[in-house]
Every structure is written in C-alpha cells, then in structure tokens.
Amino acid sequence: MPKRTPFQQWLQQPDADTASNSNGPTDTRLPVLVVGAGPAGLAGMAALRQAGVAFVGVEAHARVGGIWDRTNAVSSVYEGLSTVTSRHTTHLGRPLPEGTPDYLPHQTAHAYLEDFAEKEELVEHVRFRTSFVGAEKSPRGTWRVKLRPAEGEAYEEEFRGIVFATGSHNRNNARFPAELARQAREAGVRVMHSAEYETPEQLAGQRVLIVGIGNSGSDIADKVSTTAARTIVAVRTTPWINPQTAFGIPCDKLAADTPSWWPYWYRKSSFHVIRWLKVGGYRRLGLSRPRHSINDRVTIGDRGIVEAIRSGRVVVRSNVVDLSDGVARFADSKHAAEPVDVVMFATGFERRYPLLDAAGTSNDDVARALSFLVFHASEPGLCYLAETVGQRGCWPIFREQARAIAAYFRAEQQGKPNVRRFDARRSLDTPSFKGALFHQADTFHVDYDIYAEALQELSEWLAA
C-alpha cells in the first residue's frame, strides 16, 4: 500500500470541533492586503493576480526587493554578499539568464526581483513608503487596517484579508544573547549583530570576536579577516561545512537533480565523499566533528571560511561564556582568554509575525499557530508567507505557499465546498514535512519536495 502523503494524513484526521472554528468567510467584495514587497511578497502578489483575486500591496521602503535592496533601512545585506543557494533553485518561476553567476551577488538578486515585479505587472499595485501599523477585526469579519505613509497622516482602510510577507532576516528581528551583550557593553566593547555589518573596512585594525558560525557568521568572518587585526569565531555547535560546487555544478542543483529513487543512504554517503574531498577533515580546521548527522540540521556553504581558517586569518575557539572586562573567555579551558574590541553576534533572527498569537517564543510555537506553515489557525483572513529552510533556495517555496493562499481566496470567491471544510480544520495539527531531514531542527526546516507536494495537493483540493 503506498505511503500517505502529509496532505493525505492531514485530510484523514477527524474534522475539528466547528464550534471552535466559527469565524465566518471573508468579504469577497474587498481586496486582500499584501504586506511586504520582497521575494515572498512579490510571489504572493503574482499568485493573487494570476488567480484573479483583487489585492493591494504595501511596502515601507521606496522600491521592491525587501532586504535584497541595500538602501532599505532594515536590510541585513552586506558588501560582497551572494546567495547561499544557486540561481538554479533561487528564483520565482522566471529562470535567470544563462551567464548569470551560479550564486547571485546581492545586486543581481535585487535586479531580478525588480524585473520580476515589472514583468508580472505588480508595481502599479504597490503603495511604496507605506507601513503596516496594525489591524482589528470588524464586527462583519473584515480587517480594519491602519497604514502610515512616510509623509502624511496614518489612515484606516478595510480589507478582505491580510497576507504578511514581512520576512525575518532584517535588522528589526536581530537576536542577541542578552547577558553576553550586556557584559560587552559595560566593558566598552562595541556590540553589533551580523545584520548591522556592511563592509570589512568598518572593522579594520580591530580585534573582532564573531559569535556563531552559520552561513552569515562564516562568510563575514572570512571577509572581516582581510582587514581586522585578529578575527576569532566562537563556535557552540560545529556545523557540517559543505562545498558550494562539485564537478562544476552547484551542490544544491546536484542534490535537486539526483534521482529520488536512489536509496537515501546512497545519496547521503555520496555527498559525504564529495564533502570530504572538497572540505577535508575537521581537526585541521580546529573544529570537533559535528555530533549530528549531516542532514539533521542545516549545513553551511563554504564561501571562503575553510581557506581563511587554514591560513590562520580566522581563529576558531569554543563557545564564548563570558565577556566581562572586555575579555572573551571560552567554554574549553584549553582556549586562552582574549581581549576584544568588537563582538559581533551572528546569532540569527526572531520570527515575528503581526497578528499571530503564538504561545511562547520558539519557532516551533510559531509553526504550531499556522496551518501548513501558511494559514492562521483560526482566522480565515490571515495568511503568512513564512520563510522555510531546506537544502535549496526558498524562493520557489514562496511561490507554492502563495499559490495555496491564492487558491484559498479564489475558491472562496467561487463558493467551493472545501473552503468551509478547510476553515473547520485549520486548527488541526499539520503533519511533518521533514521526511528524512532536519530531525534536530525546528518545524520550519523541511524537505522542499515533500512540502511543495503538500501545498500543491492542498491547492488542488481547495479548487475542487
């Protein structure tokens, strides 16, 4: 008997208590509001337009592109940044032209988004320099939204529903270890987050401690080490470091093109061989071997960090435990304490989504408050283009999420019967989309093939 897909598992659960899911339908005479014009917001607008669902977009910045526009005040993009995933898996359905670098420089990524918005005829629907302030549900089930233009008074407008594409990797969502940051500030050490980093020159001649060795931390460490007096990376959990290319092919494309019928153990073992040949052993890098399987957590791409460590430009230390008096002390007593001038926390971002009441503060709490990681668990008019993490680019997943949202609103306009059934079931637990991947990561880490299939099945079911 064929194994049931996650969507089929969800569909075969008993219906939820409709008394607890009694919010009525949205008002189809009104447009949907899309908040944000980065990659997710543009995907959402394009899907709504293609589905014939009226919408209005708002964007606090003056142009489309989100954080990929470095002139955006909340952008976390820095000089020399390229995408972690290749152009083959980082697009919104319009392939990038031949000759484009495999890994997109941030300028190329932004230009692609501007071109996409123009060709999809989205720009005319967006109110730029306009911020979402808040919203309240009206007695008749619509959303009274307060918007504020950069110049002028805030005003209220009524919408059918709201699609939030507000992202998480921006300066407003930067996450700091509070105690370490306090110790450093009191000692007169400059404290910054990786989201605030812009160029190596701003740290020239400084003794820099970077806390965290994820994709941003490792790339920034490599760049900073070209100008800093000393660059130290404090590592709490050793990640798997993968090459960006193998046999001249980007590794995410190689993984995407690998036949799905190959046994999982064979694919995993093959990639271990490639990784060993390109990156080598961890002891030579001053790192302990990762304690988790290569697919249990997200890996980082080698964008120069391996050579930087081997050459001595970047020094690896264990987790920093104290920054009192401006001296970094490490968990491993074999690592001598070191005075530092700057501490940069490459410690990630919080997931903060407007109007989403998630119990607690963890990413898993947020995920539990969303059906299919997209739909509010109780409010039919609220949707979220929440970024997921996988082994390829997330932009195509934004398209699938957006299509599911558009399918819902279109099906509601057409009076399709499964819309009401979905509303009665949206509070049910969403099955896992992980498959064999990311067993030590939060719910937003998914197998993109499994998740995309589930969203496609949901869209088809809503339209039936």
Protein backbone atom coordinates (compact mmCIF):
# COMPACT_ATOMS: atom_id res chain seq x y z
CA MET A 1 0.00 0.00 0.00
CA PRO A 2 1.50 3.40 -0.99
CA LYS A 3 2.57 5.62 1.88
CA ARG A 4 0.20 8.50 2.52
CA THR A 5 1.49 11.98 1.80
CA PRO A 6 1.42 14.60 4.57
CA PHE A 7 -1.61 16.22 2.94
CA GLN A 8 -3.45 12.90 2.86
CA GLN A 9 -2.55 12.35 6.51
CA TRP A 10 -4.00 15.76 7.36
CA LEU A 11 -7.12 15.10 5.30
CA GLN A 12 -7.78 11.77 7.03
CA GLN A 13 -7.79 13.30 10.50
CA PRO A 14 -11.28 13.71 12.02
CA ASP A 15 -12.73 17.17 11.46
CA ALA A 16 -12.10 19.66 14.25
CA ASP A 17 -14.85 20.94 16.50
CA THR A 18 -16.52 23.52 14.28
CA ALA A 19 -17.67 25.43 17.35
CA SER A 20 -14.06 26.43 17.96
CA ASN A 21 -13.56 27.43 14.32
CA SER A 22 -16.67 29.53 13.82
CA ASN A 23 -15.15 32.60 12.16
CA GLY A 24 -17.15 33.36 9.06
CA PRO A 25 -15.98 33.78 5.46
CA THR A 26 -14.12 36.85 4.26
CA ASP A 27 -15.85 39.62 2.30
CA THR A 28 -15.04 38.81 -1.31
CA ARG A 29 -16.01 42.31 -2.44
CA LEU A 30 -12.86 43.74 -0.84
CA PRO A 31 -9.22 43.34 -1.88
CA VAL A 32 -6.59 41.36 0.02
CA LEU A 33 -3.72 43.34 1.54
CA VAL A 34 -0.17 42.06 0.97
CA VAL A 35 2.35 43.49 3.44
CA GLY A 36 5.90 43.50 2.07
CA ALA A 37 7.39 43.56 -1.43
CA GLY A 38 10.42 41.32 -1.03
CA PRO A 39 10.64 37.90 -2.71
CA ALA A 40 7.78 36.46 -0.63
CA GLY A 41 5.51 39.46 -1.11
CA LEU A 42 6.12 39.54 -4.85
CA ALA A 43 5.35 35.82 -5.07
CA GLY A 44 2.13 36.44 -3.13
CA MET A 45 1.03 39.33 -5.34
CA ALA A 46 1.82 37.43 -8.53
CA ALA A 47 -0.21 34.41 -7.38
CA LEU A 48 -3.19 36.55 -6.40
CA ARG A 49 -3.09 38.42 -9.70
CA GLN A 50 -2.92 35.20 -11.69
CA ALA A 51 -5.84 33.77 -9.68
CA GLY A 52 -8.00 36.84 -10.31
CA VAL A 53 -8.06 37.90 -6.66
CA ALA A 54 -8.01 41.66 -6.10
CA PHE A 55 -5.17 42.87 -3.88
CA VAL A 56 -3.23 45.90 -2.69
CA GLY A 57 0.43 45.78 -1.71
CA VAL A 58 2.20 48.00 0.81
CA GLU A 59 5.94 48.35 1.25
CA ALA A 60 7.70 50.53 3.83
CA HIS A 61 10.68 51.05 1.51
CA ALA A 62 10.68 53.05 -1.73
CA ARG A 63 11.26 50.04 -4.02
CA VAL A 64 10.61 46.32 -4.28
CA GLY A 65 13.21 43.80 -3.20
CA GLY A 66 12.99 43.70 0.59
CA ILE A 67 16.33 43.13 2.29
CA TRP A 68 17.98 42.50 -1.11
CA ASP A 69 17.93 46.26 -1.66
CA ARG A 70 20.84 47.55 0.44
CA THR A 71 19.28 51.03 0.55
CA ASN A 72 16.42 49.57 2.59
CA ALA A 73 16.87 50.72 6.21
CA VAL A 74 16.19 47.23 7.60
CA SER A 75 18.37 45.35 5.08
CA SER A 76 20.85 42.86 6.51
CA VAL A 77 22.67 42.56 3.18
CA TYR A 78 26.35 43.48 3.20
CA GLU A 79 29.09 44.25 0.69
CA GLY A 80 30.14 41.13 -1.21
CA LEU A 81 27.15 39.04 -0.15
CA SER A 82 25.95 36.37 -2.57
CA THR A 83 23.06 33.96 -2.18
CA VAL A 84 23.78 30.76 -0.28
CA THR A 85 21.77 28.78 -2.83
CA SER A 86 22.32 28.83 -6.58
CA ARG A 87 20.39 30.53 -9.35
CA HIS A 88 19.03 27.12 -10.36
CA THR A 89 16.97 26.91 -7.16
CA THR A 90 16.68 30.63 -6.28
CA HIS A 91 14.00 32.14 -8.50
CA LEU A 92 10.29 32.94 -8.62
CA GLY A 93 9.47 30.87 -11.68
CA ARG A 94 11.26 33.06 -14.18
CA PRO A 95 14.69 31.46 -14.72
CA LEU A 96 17.74 33.66 -14.62
CA PRO A 97 19.51 34.09 -17.98
CA GLU A 98 22.50 31.99 -18.94
CA GLY A 99 25.71 33.67 -17.95
CA THR A 100 24.34 34.74 -14.57
CA PRO A 101 26.76 33.73 -11.79
CA ASP A 102 25.74 30.48 -10.14
CA TYR A 103 25.49 32.23 -6.77
CA LEU A 104 23.77 35.57 -7.17
CA PRO A 105 25.53 38.71 -5.96
CA HIS A 106 23.04 40.75 -3.95
CA GLN A 107 22.84 43.33 -6.73
CA THR A 108 21.81 40.59 -9.20
CA ALA A 109 19.23 39.20 -6.78
CA HIS A 110 17.71 42.65 -6.34
CA ALA A 111 17.70 43.35 -10.08
CA TYR A 112 15.94 40.01 -10.65
CA LEU A 113 13.20 40.94 -8.16
CA GLU A 114 12.72 44.36 -9.77
CA ASP A 115 12.48 42.75 -13.20
CA PHE A 116 10.02 40.14 -11.89
CA ALA A 117 7.78 42.82 -10.39
CA GLU A 118 7.79 44.76 -13.64
CA LYS A 119 7.06 41.79 -15.89
CA GLU A 120 4.33 40.48 -13.59
CA GLU A 121 2.74 43.97 -13.58
CA LEU A 122 2.88 44.22 -9.79
CA VAL A 123 4.46 47.64 -9.24
CA GLU A 124 1.26 49.52 -10.02
CA HIS A 125 -0.47 47.63 -7.21
CA VAL A 126 2.07 48.57 -4.51
CA ARG A 127 1.91 51.62 -2.27
CA PHE A 128 5.54 52.36 -1.51
CA ARG A 129 6.84 54.17 1.58
CA THR A 130 3.75 52.95 3.40
CA SER A 131 3.93 50.93 6.62
CA PHE A 132 1.53 48.50 8.22
CA VAL A 133 0.75 49.79 11.73
CA GLY A 134 -1.92 47.36 12.96
CA ALA A 135 -5.31 45.87 12.27
CA GLU A 136 -8.53 44.96 14.03
CA LYS A 137 -11.30 42.58 13.05
CA SER A 138 -14.58 44.36 12.32
CA PRO A 139 -17.96 43.05 13.51
CA ARG A 140 -18.69 41.88 9.97
CA GLY A 141 -15.48 39.90 9.64
CA THR A 142 -13.35 42.29 7.63
CA TRP A 143 -10.00 43.76 8.69
CA ARG A 144 -9.70 47.44 9.52
CA VAL A 145 -6.05 48.12 8.79
CA LYS A 146 -4.10 51.15 9.91
CA LEU A 147 -1.49 52.24 7.37
CA ARG A 148 1.02 55.05 7.65
CA PRO A 149 2.65 56.71 4.62
CA ALA A 150 6.16 58.11 5.09
CA GLU A 151 4.72 61.56 4.55
CA GLY A 152 1.24 62.30 5.80
CA GLU A 153 -1.17 61.07 8.43
CA ALA A 154 -1.97 57.45 9.18
CA TYR A 155 -5.28 56.26 7.81
CA GLU A 156 -7.58 53.25 8.06
CA GLU A 157 -8.73 51.04 5.22
CA GLU A 158 -10.86 47.92 5.08
CA PHE A 159 -9.59 44.69 3.55
CA ARG A 160 -10.88 41.20 2.95
CA GLY A 161 -7.77 39.62 4.46
CA ILE A 162 -4.07 40.18 5.00
CA VAL A 163 -1.07 38.28 3.65
CA PHE A 164 2.04 39.04 5.70
CA ALA A 165 5.31 38.79 3.79
CA THR A 166 7.34 40.67 6.36
CA GLY A 167 10.34 38.34 6.44
CA SER A 168 12.57 37.54 9.37
CA HIS A 169 16.14 38.28 8.22
CA ASN A 170 16.03 42.01 8.81
CA ARG A 171 17.61 44.26 11.40
CA ASN A 172 14.41 44.61 13.41
CA ASN A 173 14.43 40.88 14.16
CA ALA A 174 18.09 40.51 15.17
CA ARG A 175 18.55 38.12 18.10
CA PHE A 176 21.21 38.77 20.78
CA PRO A 177 22.35 36.73 23.80
CA ALA A 178 21.29 39.38 26.33
CA GLU A 179 23.79 38.64 29.10
CA LEU A 180 26.85 38.49 26.86
CA ALA A 181 25.78 41.68 25.09
CA ARG A 182 25.34 43.44 28.47
CA GLN A 183 28.79 42.35 29.66
CA ALA A 184 30.42 43.58 26.48
CA ARG A 185 28.68 46.97 26.52
CA GLU A 186 29.55 47.58 30.16
CA ALA A 187 33.20 46.85 29.31
CA GLY A 188 33.16 49.38 26.48
CA VAL A 189 33.32 46.73 23.76
CA ARG A 190 31.47 47.59 20.58
CA VAL A 191 28.46 45.28 20.22
CA MET A 192 26.83 44.60 16.88
CA HIS A 193 24.73 41.97 15.14
CA SER A 194 25.67 40.41 11.83
CA ALA A 195 22.63 42.23 10.38
CA GLU A 196 24.47 45.53 11.03
CA TYR A 197 27.68 44.52 9.28
CA GLU A 198 28.29 46.31 5.98
CA THR A 199 31.97 46.30 4.91
CA PRO A 200 35.29 44.91 6.19
CA GLU A 201 36.65 48.46 6.44
CA GLN A 202 34.35 49.31 9.34
CA LEU A 203 36.31 46.79 11.47
CA ALA A 204 39.81 47.47 10.15
CA GLY A 205 42.57 47.07 12.72
CA GLN A 206 40.15 45.77 15.37
CA ARG A 207 40.23 42.58 17.42
CA VAL A 208 36.92 41.06 16.36
CA LEU A 209 35.02 38.21 18.01
CA ILE A 210 32.23 36.70 15.92
CA VAL A 211 29.81 34.57 17.91
CA GLY A 212 28.31 31.91 15.66
CA ILE A 213 29.44 30.07 12.54
CA GLY A 214 26.29 29.84 10.45
CA ASN A 215 26.16 30.99 6.85
CA SER A 216 26.37 34.67 7.78
CA GLY A 217 28.92 34.29 10.57
CA SER A 218 31.31 32.19 8.49
CA ASP A 219 31.09 34.44 5.41
CA ILE A 220 31.50 37.64 7.42
CA ALA A 221 34.45 36.16 9.35
CA ASP A 222 36.23 35.44 6.07
CA LYS A 223 35.63 38.99 4.83
CA VAL A 224 36.44 40.76 8.11
CA SER A 225 39.72 38.87 8.46
CA THR A 226 41.11 40.74 5.44
CA THR A 227 41.19 44.00 7.43
CA ALA A 228 40.86 43.12 11.15
CA ALA A 229 43.89 42.82 13.44
CA ARG A 230 42.52 39.48 14.68
CA THR A 231 39.36 37.56 13.82
CA ILE A 232 38.04 34.94 16.23
CA VAL A 233 34.98 32.78 15.67
CA ALA A 234 33.34 31.27 18.75
CA VAL A 235 31.57 28.00 17.91
CA ARG A 236 28.98 26.38 20.18
CA THR A 237 27.80 23.61 17.83
CA THR A 238 30.00 22.55 14.93
CA PRO A 239 28.00 22.59 11.69
CA TRP A 240 28.63 20.48 8.61
CA ILE A 241 30.51 22.62 6.11
CA ASN A 242 29.76 21.76 2.51
CA PRO A 243 31.36 22.86 -0.75
CA GLN A 244 29.31 25.14 -2.94
CA THR A 245 30.13 23.21 -6.10
CA ALA A 246 31.11 19.69 -7.11
CA PHE A 247 32.13 18.63 -10.65
CA GLY A 248 31.49 22.24 -11.67
CA ILE A 249 27.83 22.01 -10.59
CA PRO A 250 26.28 23.90 -7.64
CA CYS A 251 25.65 21.38 -4.88
CA ASP A 252 22.01 22.36 -4.38
CA LYS A 253 21.37 21.73 -8.09
CA LEU A 254 23.25 18.45 -7.85
CA ALA A 255 21.05 17.40 -4.93
CA ALA A 256 17.87 18.54 -6.70
CA ASP A 257 18.78 16.61 -9.85
CA THR A 258 19.69 13.39 -8.02
CA PRO A 259 17.08 10.73 -8.86
CA SER A 260 14.62 10.35 -5.98
CA TRP A 261 14.61 6.58 -6.46
CA TRP A 262 18.26 6.38 -5.36
CA PRO A 263 18.33 5.00 -1.81
CA TYR A 264 18.64 7.72 0.82
CA TRP A 265 21.72 6.08 2.37
CA TYR A 266 23.44 6.08 -1.03
CA ARG A 267 22.74 9.75 -1.68
CA LYS A 268 23.91 10.66 1.81
CA SER A 269 27.10 8.59 1.54
CA SER A 270 27.91 10.02 -1.88
CA PHE A 271 27.66 13.54 -0.58
CA HIS A 272 29.90 12.69 2.37
CA VAL A 273 32.59 11.63 -0.11
CA ILE A 274 32.20 14.87 -2.08
CA ARG A 275 32.33 16.90 1.12
CA TRP A 276 35.49 15.12 2.31
CA LEU A 277 37.29 15.63 -0.99
CA LYS A 278 36.43 19.35 -1.16
CA VAL A 279 36.50 20.40 2.51
CA GLY A 280 38.52 17.73 4.30
CA GLY A 281 38.62 16.79 7.97
CA TYR A 282 37.55 18.99 10.85
CA ARG A 283 40.65 18.64 13.04
CA ARG A 284 42.68 20.59 10.51
CA LEU A 285 40.20 23.43 11.00
CA GLY A 286 40.37 23.36 14.80
CA LEU A 287 36.80 22.08 14.95
CA SER A 288 35.37 18.98 16.54
CA ARG A 289 33.43 16.66 14.27
CA PRO A 290 29.72 17.51 14.23
CA ARG A 291 27.73 15.41 16.68
CA HIS A 292 24.70 15.25 14.45
CA SER A 293 24.07 13.63 11.08
CA ILE A 294 24.77 15.77 8.03
CA ASN A 295 21.04 16.15 7.32
CA ASP A 296 19.82 16.62 10.90
CA ARG A 297 20.46 20.37 10.81
CA VAL A 298 21.04 22.93 8.10
CA THR A 299 24.58 22.86 6.71
CA ILE A 300 26.68 25.89 5.82
CA GLY A 301 28.25 26.55 2.45
CA ASP A 302 31.98 27.16 2.18
CA ARG A 303 32.24 30.65 0.72
CA GLY A 304 35.84 31.08 1.86
CA ILE A 305 35.79 30.16 5.53
CA VAL A 306 37.76 26.91 5.09
CA GLU A 307 40.72 28.66 3.44
CA ALA A 308 40.51 31.51 5.96
CA ILE A 309 40.82 29.07 8.87
CA ARG A 310 43.59 27.02 7.24
CA SER A 311 45.62 30.15 6.52
CA GLY A 312 45.23 31.44 10.06
CA ARG A 313 43.28 34.57 9.07
CA VAL A 314 40.38 33.26 11.18
CA VAL A 315 40.95 31.61 14.55
CA VAL A 316 38.38 29.10 15.84
CA ARG A 317 37.50 28.93 19.51
CA SER A 318 34.88 27.12 21.58
CA ASN A 319 31.68 28.77 22.73
CA VAL A 320 32.20 32.13 24.46
CA VAL A 321 30.87 32.07 28.02
CA ASP A 322 31.90 35.46 29.41
CA LEU A 323 32.84 38.91 28.12
CA SER A 324 33.44 40.72 31.41
CA ASP A 325 36.12 43.43 31.31
CA GLY A 326 36.21 43.16 27.51
CA VAL A 327 37.95 39.79 27.65
CA ALA A 328 36.44 36.79 25.86
CA ARG A 329 36.52 33.59 27.89
CA PHE A 330 35.68 30.30 26.25
CA ALA A 331 33.98 27.07 27.31
CA ASP A 332 37.06 24.99 26.53
CA SER A 333 39.73 25.81 29.16
CA LYS A 334 42.42 24.99 26.59
CA HIS A 335 41.49 28.19 24.77
CA ALA A 336 43.15 31.17 26.41
CA ALA A 337 41.05 34.26 27.16
CA GLU A 338 41.45 37.06 24.64
CA PRO A 339 40.78 40.80 24.81
CA VAL A 340 38.45 42.01 22.05
CA ASP A 341 37.45 45.41 20.66
CA VAL A 342 34.30 44.31 18.85
CA VAL A 343 31.88 41.44 19.38
CA MET A 344 29.56 40.58 16.52
CA PHE A 345 26.66 38.26 17.27
CA ALA A 346 25.85 36.10 14.23
CA THR A 347 23.13 34.51 16.32
CA GLY A 348 20.18 34.58 13.98
CA PHE A 349 16.81 36.26 13.92
CA GLU A 350 13.48 36.06 15.72
CA ARG A 351 10.34 35.07 13.85
CA ARG A 352 7.87 37.87 14.50
CA TYR A 353 4.66 37.91 12.52
CA PRO A 354 1.94 40.53 13.03
CA LEU A 355 -1.42 39.45 14.48
CA LEU A 356 -0.13 35.94 15.16
CA ASP A 357 -0.67 34.91 18.75
CA ALA A 358 1.87 32.14 19.20
CA ALA A 359 2.15 30.70 22.69
CA GLY A 360 5.73 31.04 23.89
CA THR A 361 8.56 32.38 21.80
CA SER A 362 10.11 29.40 20.00
CA ASN A 363 9.94 28.83 16.27
CA ASP A 364 8.03 25.62 16.94
CA ASP A 365 5.37 27.63 18.82
CA VAL A 366 5.03 29.90 15.81
CA ALA A 367 4.77 26.90 13.47
CA ARG A 368 2.01 25.35 15.60
CA ALA A 369 0.00 28.55 15.22
CA LEU A 370 -0.02 28.14 11.42
CA SER A 371 -1.78 25.55 9.29
CA PHE A 372 0.60 24.25 6.62
CA LEU A 373 3.04 26.92 7.89
CA VAL A 374 0.89 29.45 6.00
CA PHE A 375 -2.67 29.90 7.29
CA HIS A 376 -3.67 31.36 10.66
CA ALA A 377 -5.09 28.59 12.81
CA SER A 378 -8.41 30.36 13.46
CA GLU A 379 -8.72 33.49 11.29
CA PRO A 380 -9.67 32.81 7.63
CA GLY A 381 -8.47 36.23 6.52
CA LEU A 382 -4.90 35.97 7.83
CA CYS A 383 -2.07 34.29 5.92
CA TYR A 384 1.72 34.26 6.28
CA LEU A 385 4.44 33.73 3.73
CA ALA A 386 6.78 32.38 6.40
CA GLU A 387 10.29 31.55 5.26
CA THR A 388 11.19 27.87 5.44
CA VAL A 389 14.66 26.35 5.42
CA GLY A 390 15.72 23.50 3.14
CA GLN A 391 18.53 22.18 1.01
CA ARG A 392 17.71 24.51 -1.86
CA GLY A 393 16.56 28.08 -2.36
CA CYS A 394 13.35 29.08 -0.58
CA TRP A 395 12.03 31.41 -3.28
CA PRO A 396 10.26 28.63 -5.22
CA ILE A 397 8.62 27.60 -1.94
CA PHE A 398 7.27 31.13 -1.57
CA ARG A 399 5.57 30.54 -4.93
CA GLU A 400 3.92 27.34 -3.70
CA GLN A 401 2.81 28.98 -0.46
CA ALA A 402 1.46 31.93 -2.45
CA ARG A 403 -0.44 29.66 -4.83
CA ALA A 404 -2.08 27.91 -1.87
CA ILE A 405 -3.13 31.29 -0.44
CA ALA A 406 -4.46 32.42 -3.82
CA ALA A 407 -6.26 29.09 -4.26
CA TYR A 408 -7.98 29.61 -0.92
CA PHE A 409 -9.21 33.14 -1.68
CA ARG A 410 -10.24 32.22 -5.24
CA ALA A 411 -12.08 29.10 -4.08
CA GLU A 412 -13.92 31.20 -1.51
CA GLN A 413 -14.97 33.65 -4.25
CA GLN A 414 -16.29 30.73 -6.27
CA GLY A 415 -18.11 29.14 -3.36
CA LYS A 416 -16.11 25.90 -3.46
CA PRO A 417 -17.22 23.49 -0.71
CA ASN A 418 -13.75 22.57 0.53
CA VAL A 419 -13.10 26.13 1.68
CA ARG A 420 -15.55 25.81 4.56
CA ARG A 421 -14.17 22.39 5.37
CA PHE A 422 -10.66 23.81 5.46
CA ASP A 423 -11.78 26.57 7.81
CA ALA A 424 -13.22 23.94 10.14
CA ARG A 425 -9.94 22.01 10.03
CA ARG A 426 -7.31 24.75 10.02
CA SER A 427 -6.63 24.28 13.75
CA LEU A 428 -5.69 20.62 13.28
CA ASP A 429 -2.05 19.62 13.67
CA THR A 430 -0.13 19.95 10.43
CA PRO A 431 1.85 16.78 9.59
CA SER A 432 5.62 16.96 9.42
CA PHE A 433 7.23 17.95 6.13
CA LYS A 434 10.71 16.84 7.16
CA GLY A 435 10.89 13.35 5.71
CA ALA A 436 14.42 12.11 6.44
CA LEU A 437 15.81 15.61 7.00
CA PHE A 438 16.36 18.09 9.84
CA HIS A 439 15.44 15.91 12.80
CA GLN A 440 17.33 18.24 15.16
CA ALA A 441 15.96 21.47 13.70
CA ASP A 442 12.71 23.36 14.22
CA THR A 443 9.50 22.84 12.25
CA PHE A 444 10.35 25.47 9.63
CA HIS A 445 13.18 23.20 8.39
CA VAL A 446 11.53 21.00 5.76
CA ASP A 447 12.15 18.70 2.83
CA TYR A 448 11.19 21.03 -0.02
CA ASP A 449 9.95 18.22 -2.24
CA ILE A 450 7.58 16.95 0.45
CA TYR A 451 6.42 20.43 1.44
CA ALA A 452 5.87 21.60 -2.13
CA GLU A 453 3.84 18.47 -2.89
CA ALA A 454 1.65 19.08 0.18
CA LEU A 455 0.97 22.68 -0.83
CA GLN A 456 0.14 21.63 -4.38
CA GLU A 457 -2.27 18.95 -3.14
CA LEU A 458 -3.89 21.49 -0.80
CA SER A 459 -4.32 23.99 -3.67
CA GLU A 460 -5.93 21.35 -5.90
CA TRP A 461 -8.23 20.19 -3.10
CA LEU A 462 -9.38 23.75 -2.36
CA ALA A 463 -10.18 24.32 -6.04
CA ALA A 464 -12.14 21.07 -6.41
